[in-house]
Amino acid sequence: MTATVQRRRAGVRRERGQSGESSPAVLGVPAPPKARRRWGLLAAMVALVCVGALGNVWLLGSISDSSPVLVATSPIERGAVVRPSVMP
């Protein structure tokens, strides 16, 4: 022989009415809060991401920006032709 057990649902309480039957009564469970959009915080996050991206682009550009340099071991006169013997 099997027995069926009815379980209570969370947040619902059964109360007996005048006629003896049970009816669900909702407990004082608060409604979930509505999601607020914080536009100022969103704008600050977007601005921070943009500043970070621009900073990375500038940093990469400054690191990879190189110019060739010539080193001489003796003074070179203006207009003189530079030969490999002058360079180290």
Protein backbone atom coordinates (compact mmCIF):
# COMPACT_ATOMS: atom_id res chain seq x y z
CA MET A 1 0.00 0.00 0.00
CA THR A 2 1.37 3.44 -0.90
CA ALA A 3 0.61 6.74 0.72
CA THR A 4 0.71 10.10 -1.03
CA VAL A 5 2.13 12.96 0.98
CA GLN A 6 1.39 16.53 0.01
CA ARG A 7 4.25 18.89 0.64
CA ARG A 8 3.97 22.58 1.27
CA ARG A 9 5.30 24.95 -1.33
CA ALA A 10 7.71 27.61 -0.17
CA GLY A 11 6.02 30.93 0.43
CA VAL A 12 2.46 29.53 0.55
CA ARG A 13 0.62 28.83 3.77
CA ARG A 14 -2.70 27.04 3.94
CA GLU A 15 -5.35 28.53 6.16
CA ARG A 16 -8.70 27.02 7.00
CA GLY A 17 -11.70 29.05 5.99
CA GLN A 18 -15.09 29.01 7.70
CA SER A 19 -16.26 26.04 5.67
CA GLY A 20 -13.25 23.93 6.70
CA GLU A 21 -11.52 23.91 3.31
CA SER A 22 -7.97 25.13 2.93
CA SER A 23 -7.08 28.06 0.68
CA PRO A 24 -3.61 29.37 -0.13
CA ALA A 25 -2.59 32.58 1.63
CA VAL A 26 0.48 34.33 0.30
CA LEU A 27 3.09 35.15 2.91
CA GLY A 28 4.65 38.59 3.07
CA VAL A 29 7.36 37.85 0.50
CA PRO A 30 8.66 41.07 -1.02
CA ALA A 31 8.82 41.45 -4.77
CA PRO A 32 12.31 41.37 -6.30
CA PRO A 33 13.83 44.82 -6.80
CA LYS A 34 13.65 46.38 -10.23
CA ALA A 35 16.94 46.69 -12.07
CA ARG A 36 18.04 50.32 -12.29
CA ARG A 37 20.32 51.46 -15.04
CA ARG A 38 23.09 53.70 -13.84
CA TRP A 39 23.91 55.66 -16.97
CA GLY A 40 26.71 57.64 -15.32
CA LEU A 41 28.51 54.47 -14.27
CA LEU A 42 28.04 52.96 -17.73
CA ALA A 43 29.47 56.09 -19.37
CA ALA A 44 32.44 56.03 -16.97
CA MET A 45 33.17 52.39 -17.84
CA VAL A 46 33.01 53.08 -21.59
CA ALA A 47 35.29 56.11 -21.20
CA LEU A 48 37.77 54.07 -19.14
CA VAL A 49 37.89 51.34 -21.79
CA CYS A 50 38.44 53.94 -24.54
CA VAL A 51 41.23 55.67 -22.59
CA GLY A 52 42.89 52.30 -21.96
CA ALA A 53 42.71 51.36 -25.64
CA LEU A 54 44.15 54.73 -26.72
CA GLY A 55 46.90 54.43 -24.10
CA ASN A 56 47.85 51.01 -25.46
CA VAL A 57 47.96 52.32 -29.03
CA TRP A 58 50.15 55.25 -27.96
CA LEU A 59 52.46 52.97 -25.95
CA LEU A 60 52.84 50.54 -28.84
CA GLY A 61 53.54 53.41 -31.22
CA SER A 62 56.19 54.94 -28.96
CA ILE A 63 57.95 51.62 -28.39
CA SER A 64 58.09 50.61 -32.04
CA ASP A 65 59.02 54.10 -33.28
CA SER A 66 62.73 53.89 -34.03
CA SER A 67 65.05 55.87 -36.21
CA PRO A 68 68.38 54.76 -37.64
CA VAL A 69 71.42 56.32 -36.02
CA LEU A 70 74.94 56.58 -37.41
CA VAL A 71 77.91 56.56 -35.04
CA ALA A 72 81.29 57.87 -36.18
CA THR A 73 84.62 57.40 -34.40
CA SER A 74 86.14 60.63 -35.71
CA PRO A 75 84.73 64.08 -36.50
CA ILE A 76 83.09 64.47 -39.90
CA GLU A 77 83.31 67.76 -41.79
CA ARG A 78 80.15 69.26 -43.19
CA GLY A 79 79.55 68.03 -46.74
CA ALA A 80 82.18 65.27 -46.48
CA VAL A 81 81.44 61.83 -47.91
CA VAL A 82 81.07 59.21 -45.22
CA ARG A 83 83.09 56.08 -45.96
CA PRO A 84 82.95 52.76 -44.14
CA SER A 85 86.44 53.43 -42.71
CA VAL A 86 85.03 56.23 -40.51
CA MET A 87 82.32 54.02 -38.99
CA PRO A 88 83.19 51.37 -36.36
